[in-house]
Amino acid sequence: MSTLLTRAAQLEERGEPYALATVVSVVRPASTRRGDRAIVTPDGRLEGWVGGACSEPIVVQESLAALADGRHRLVRIGAAGEASADVVVRESTCASEGTVDVLIEPCMPAPLLAVCGESPAAITLARLAAEIGWRVATEVDPAADAVVVASMGRGDEETLATALQTNARYVGLVASARRASSVLATLREGGIGEESLARVHSPAGLDLGASGQEEIAVAILAQLVAWRHSSKAPDAPPAASHCCHEA
């Protein structure tokens, strides 16, 4: 079990999704016991034990479905039966009459936010984002879900151009309207197209009437949280699922 939990911690540290499958109920005969666990990665690899050939293929299928929709599910593997709103029933392919209930939890990585700059707004935003569980980088990362440029005129154009080359689904620029217009004009002259420039949120953050640098950071984080959870933002990453890793 400790090896499995170490593996889960490694996946989380690398920002890789996985599903945690836990046997929560067993009706004999069955080859597993309550508390057995396995990890399923997006490539369909299963590590751990939740039963043999009678259970593993079903657990893998349901785990991949859970990773796709981000929803927990309780799967009952045994004799044919009717599913309910709370339980997914899958018929076992084995002759055994045992029944196994498996809780499957999709564990999605927390969003990766790249905060670029050394301004008070950047420092505060990075700290607050980390406190709510987001992963934080201090420079543009190709894997970033969101990038906020808060360098206050120190290389804004270069940093923003780099951010627009990534697949980040939120790109924000902390700047006045005049400064933002100048930065975008420079990027436009440098050959960056209008479709890419339209991705830039500036001024970054919700209009909360913020004035100080720290308040601006709060406004930006509020916009990021709203963007992440909004049903109107289909490109936003799903909320992270916090799996329980205690043995």
Protein backbone atom coordinates (compact mmCIF):
# COMPACT_ATOMS: atom_id res chain seq x y z
CA MET A 1 0.00 0.00 0.00
CA SER A 2 2.84 2.41 0.81
CA THR A 3 4.29 1.82 -2.66
CA LEU A 4 0.93 2.62 -4.24
CA LEU A 5 0.56 5.84 -2.25
CA THR A 6 4.11 6.84 -3.16
CA ARG A 7 3.20 6.32 -6.80
CA ALA A 8 0.10 8.49 -6.37
CA ALA A 9 2.20 11.23 -4.79
CA GLN A 10 4.64 11.08 -7.71
CA LEU A 11 1.83 11.48 -10.22
CA GLU A 12 0.41 14.45 -8.32
CA GLU A 13 3.82 16.09 -8.11
CA ARG A 14 4.21 15.77 -11.87
CA GLY A 15 0.71 17.11 -12.44
CA GLU A 16 -0.52 13.89 -14.06
CA PRO A 17 -4.13 12.71 -13.64
CA TYR A 18 -5.04 9.26 -12.37
CA ALA A 19 -7.97 7.41 -10.85
CA LEU A 20 -7.86 5.83 -7.41
CA ALA A 21 -9.95 2.64 -7.14
CA THR A 22 -10.75 1.34 -3.65
CA VAL A 23 -12.60 -1.86 -2.78
CA VAL A 24 -15.23 -0.80 -0.25
CA SER A 25 -17.36 -3.95 0.00
CA VAL A 26 -16.95 -7.64 -0.81
CA VAL A 27 -19.45 -10.50 -0.90
CA ARG A 28 -17.63 -13.83 -1.06
CA PRO A 29 -16.42 -15.63 -3.02
CA ALA A 30 -14.08 -12.97 -4.36
CA SER A 31 -10.33 -12.67 -4.82
CA THR A 32 -10.06 -9.27 -3.20
CA ARG A 33 -10.84 -7.77 0.18
CA ARG A 34 -12.16 -4.48 1.49
CA GLY A 35 -9.48 -1.80 1.45
CA ASP A 36 -7.56 -3.13 -1.55
CA ARG A 37 -6.60 -0.33 -3.92
CA ALA A 38 -5.29 0.35 -7.39
CA ILE A 39 -4.28 3.34 -9.49
CA VAL A 40 -5.37 3.65 -13.11
CA THR A 41 -3.56 6.09 -15.40
CA PRO A 42 -5.04 7.65 -18.58
CA ASP A 43 -3.24 5.10 -20.76
CA GLY A 44 -5.26 2.32 -19.10
CA ARG A 45 -2.44 0.99 -16.94
CA LEU A 46 -3.56 -0.46 -13.60
CA GLU A 47 -1.19 -0.63 -10.63
CA GLY A 48 -2.29 -2.32 -7.44
CA TRP A 49 -4.97 -4.91 -6.75
CA VAL A 50 -8.77 -4.78 -6.94
CA GLY A 51 -9.32 -8.38 -7.99
CA GLY A 52 -8.21 -10.47 -10.93
CA ALA A 53 -9.50 -10.79 -14.46
CA CYS A 54 -13.09 -10.61 -13.18
CA SER A 55 -12.69 -7.04 -11.91
CA GLU A 56 -9.66 -5.35 -13.45
CA PRO A 57 -10.98 -4.71 -16.99
CA ILE A 58 -14.18 -3.20 -15.60
CA VAL A 59 -12.28 -1.06 -13.09
CA VAL A 60 -10.04 0.22 -15.90
CA GLN A 61 -13.02 1.06 -18.12
CA GLU A 62 -14.88 2.88 -15.36
CA SER A 63 -11.72 4.67 -14.23
CA LEU A 64 -11.13 6.01 -17.74
CA ALA A 65 -14.75 7.16 -17.85
CA ALA A 66 -14.27 8.88 -14.48
CA LEU A 67 -11.17 10.66 -15.75
CA ALA A 68 -13.13 11.81 -18.78
CA ASP A 69 -16.07 13.29 -16.87
CA GLY A 70 -14.34 14.11 -13.58
CA ARG A 71 -16.98 12.33 -11.47
CA HIS A 72 -16.65 9.81 -8.67
CA ARG A 73 -18.55 6.57 -9.08
CA LEU A 74 -19.35 3.48 -7.06
CA VAL A 75 -19.13 0.41 -9.27
CA ARG A 76 -20.74 -2.91 -8.30
CA ILE A 77 -19.17 -5.88 -10.07
CA GLY A 78 -21.14 -9.10 -9.82
CA ALA A 79 -24.38 -10.60 -11.00
CA ALA A 80 -26.44 -8.60 -13.49
CA GLY A 81 -28.63 -6.00 -11.84
CA GLU A 82 -30.18 -2.61 -12.31
CA ALA A 83 -28.04 0.48 -11.94
CA SER A 84 -29.19 3.37 -9.79
CA ALA A 85 -28.33 7.02 -9.43
CA ASP A 86 -25.70 6.06 -6.86
CA VAL A 87 -24.30 2.78 -8.17
CA VAL A 88 -23.00 1.64 -11.55
CA VAL A 89 -23.68 -2.09 -11.93
CA ARG A 90 -21.39 -4.13 -14.17
CA GLU A 91 -21.84 -7.83 -14.73
CA SER A 92 -18.82 -9.94 -13.86
CA THR A 93 -17.34 -12.04 -16.64
CA CYS A 94 -16.43 -14.80 -14.18
CA ALA A 95 -18.48 -17.73 -13.00
CA SER A 96 -18.01 -16.72 -9.36
CA GLU A 97 -21.12 -15.44 -7.63
CA GLY A 98 -19.16 -12.94 -5.56
CA THR A 99 -19.82 -9.22 -5.63
CA VAL A 100 -17.30 -6.40 -5.29
CA ASP A 101 -18.06 -2.71 -4.80
CA VAL A 102 -15.30 -0.37 -5.96
CA LEU A 103 -15.20 3.37 -5.32
CA ILE A 104 -13.45 5.16 -8.19
CA GLU A 105 -12.13 8.67 -7.59
CA PRO A 106 -10.71 10.71 -10.47
CA CYS A 107 -7.71 12.66 -9.23
CA MET A 108 -7.11 15.59 -11.51
CA PRO A 109 -4.00 17.75 -11.12
CA ALA A 110 -4.48 21.20 -9.69
CA PRO A 111 -4.21 23.93 -12.36
CA LEU A 112 -0.72 25.19 -13.10
CA LEU A 113 -0.47 28.98 -12.90
CA ALA A 114 2.58 30.77 -14.23
CA VAL A 115 3.03 34.14 -12.54
CA CYS A 116 5.67 36.21 -14.32
CA GLY A 117 7.23 39.20 -12.65
CA GLU A 118 8.60 40.37 -9.32
CA SER A 119 6.01 43.04 -8.57
CA PRO A 120 4.02 42.94 -5.31
CA ALA A 121 1.00 41.85 -7.35
CA ALA A 122 2.92 38.90 -8.78
CA ILE A 123 4.34 37.86 -5.42
CA THR A 124 0.95 38.08 -3.71
CA LEU A 125 -0.84 36.24 -6.51
CA ALA A 126 1.69 33.39 -6.46
CA ARG A 127 1.34 33.03 -2.70
CA LEU A 128 -2.45 33.11 -2.68
CA ALA A 129 -2.74 30.66 -5.57
CA ALA A 130 -0.47 28.20 -3.78
CA GLU A 131 -2.54 28.55 -0.62
CA ILE A 132 -5.71 27.41 -2.42
CA GLY A 133 -3.92 24.39 -3.86
CA TRP A 134 -2.87 25.56 -7.30
CA ARG A 135 0.53 24.65 -8.67
CA VAL A 136 2.60 27.77 -9.30
CA ALA A 137 5.52 28.51 -11.62
CA THR A 138 7.47 31.78 -11.69
CA GLU A 139 8.05 31.78 -15.43
CA VAL A 140 6.12 30.73 -18.51
CA ASP A 141 5.71 26.97 -18.49
CA PRO A 142 4.60 25.16 -21.67
CA ALA A 143 2.20 23.10 -19.55
CA ALA A 144 0.62 26.07 -17.78
CA ASP A 145 -3.17 26.26 -17.65
CA ALA A 146 -2.98 30.00 -16.97
CA VAL A 147 -0.32 32.68 -17.31
CA VAL A 148 -0.37 36.09 -15.65
CA VAL A 149 2.22 38.65 -16.72
CA ALA A 150 2.75 41.12 -13.91
CA SER A 151 6.23 42.39 -14.66
CA MET A 152 5.05 46.01 -14.80
CA GLY A 153 6.77 47.03 -18.01
CA ARG A 154 9.89 44.92 -17.58
CA GLY A 155 9.86 42.69 -20.65
CA ASP A 156 6.06 42.50 -20.89
CA GLU A 157 6.12 42.07 -24.66
CA GLU A 158 8.62 39.21 -24.67
CA THR A 159 6.94 37.36 -21.81
CA LEU A 160 3.47 37.78 -23.27
CA ALA A 161 4.67 36.59 -26.69
CA THR A 162 6.07 33.46 -25.05
CA ALA A 163 2.82 32.90 -23.14
CA LEU A 164 0.81 33.10 -26.36
CA GLN A 165 2.91 30.30 -27.83
CA THR A 166 1.63 27.93 -25.15
CA ASN A 167 -1.77 26.27 -24.84
CA ALA A 168 -2.58 28.22 -21.67
CA ARG A 169 -6.32 28.79 -21.56
CA TYR A 170 -6.01 32.03 -19.60
CA VAL A 171 -3.43 34.71 -20.37
CA GLY A 172 -3.60 37.87 -18.30
CA LEU A 173 -1.62 41.10 -18.42
CA VAL A 174 -1.42 43.44 -15.44
CA ALA A 175 -1.22 46.86 -17.02
CA SER A 176 -3.12 50.08 -17.48
CA ALA A 177 -5.35 50.34 -20.54
CA ARG A 178 -2.79 52.59 -22.24
CA ARG A 179 0.13 50.30 -21.44
CA ALA A 180 -1.83 47.19 -22.53
CA SER A 181 -2.69 48.86 -25.84
CA SER A 182 0.98 49.65 -26.41
CA VAL A 183 2.08 46.09 -25.57
CA LEU A 184 -0.50 44.55 -27.91
CA ALA A 185 0.45 46.97 -30.68
CA THR A 186 4.08 45.92 -30.37
CA LEU A 187 3.13 42.26 -30.53
CA ARG A 188 0.90 42.94 -33.54
CA GLU A 189 3.80 44.65 -35.31
CA GLY A 190 5.92 41.62 -34.46
CA GLY A 191 3.58 39.37 -36.41
CA ILE A 192 1.30 37.96 -33.73
CA GLY A 193 -2.18 37.58 -35.15
CA GLU A 194 -5.42 39.03 -33.86
CA GLU A 195 -6.76 35.62 -32.83
CA SER A 196 -3.83 35.15 -30.47
CA LEU A 197 -4.00 38.71 -29.16
CA ALA A 198 -7.69 38.21 -28.39
CA ARG A 199 -6.66 35.62 -25.78
CA VAL A 200 -5.12 38.33 -23.60
CA HIS A 201 -7.14 39.47 -20.59
CA SER A 202 -6.16 43.02 -19.75
CA PRO A 203 -6.62 44.48 -17.34
CA ALA A 204 -6.35 41.08 -15.67
CA GLY A 205 -8.75 40.41 -12.82
CA LEU A 206 -12.35 41.09 -11.90
CA ASP A 207 -13.40 44.70 -11.56
CA LEU A 208 -13.51 44.82 -7.76
CA GLY A 209 -12.40 48.41 -7.54
CA ALA A 210 -8.95 47.21 -6.54
CA SER A 211 -6.22 49.80 -6.41
CA GLY A 212 -3.19 48.52 -4.50
CA GLN A 213 -0.93 45.80 -5.85
CA GLU A 214 -2.11 43.23 -3.31
CA GLU A 215 -5.76 44.00 -4.07
CA ILE A 216 -5.07 43.57 -7.77
CA ALA A 217 -3.69 40.11 -6.99
CA VAL A 218 -6.91 39.24 -5.16
CA ALA A 219 -8.99 40.46 -8.12
CA ILE A 220 -6.95 38.34 -10.53
CA LEU A 221 -7.26 35.24 -8.37
CA ALA A 222 -11.01 35.80 -8.11
CA GLN A 223 -11.23 35.90 -11.91
CA LEU A 224 -9.11 32.76 -12.22
CA VAL A 225 -11.28 30.86 -9.75
CA ALA A 226 -14.45 32.00 -11.53
CA TRP A 227 -12.96 31.04 -14.90
CA ARG A 228 -11.96 27.62 -13.62
CA HIS A 229 -15.38 26.75 -12.25
CA SER A 230 -17.62 28.51 -14.75
CA SER A 231 -19.86 26.26 -16.79
CA LYS A 232 -19.63 28.93 -19.48
CA ALA A 233 -15.94 28.26 -19.94
CA PRO A 234 -15.76 24.85 -21.65
CA ASP A 235 -12.01 25.10 -22.04
CA ALA A 236 -11.41 25.52 -18.35
CA PRO A 237 -9.75 22.55 -16.63
CA PRO A 238 -11.97 20.55 -14.32
CA ALA A 239 -11.74 21.18 -10.61
CA ALA A 240 -9.09 19.10 -8.93
CA SER A 241 -10.36 16.05 -7.10
CA HIS A 242 -8.78 15.57 -3.71
CA CYS A 243 -8.24 11.84 -3.21
CA CYS A 244 -7.73 10.35 0.20
CA HIS A 245 -4.34 8.60 0.38
CA GLU A 246 -4.32 7.34 3.95
CA ALA A 247 -3.76 3.63 4.19
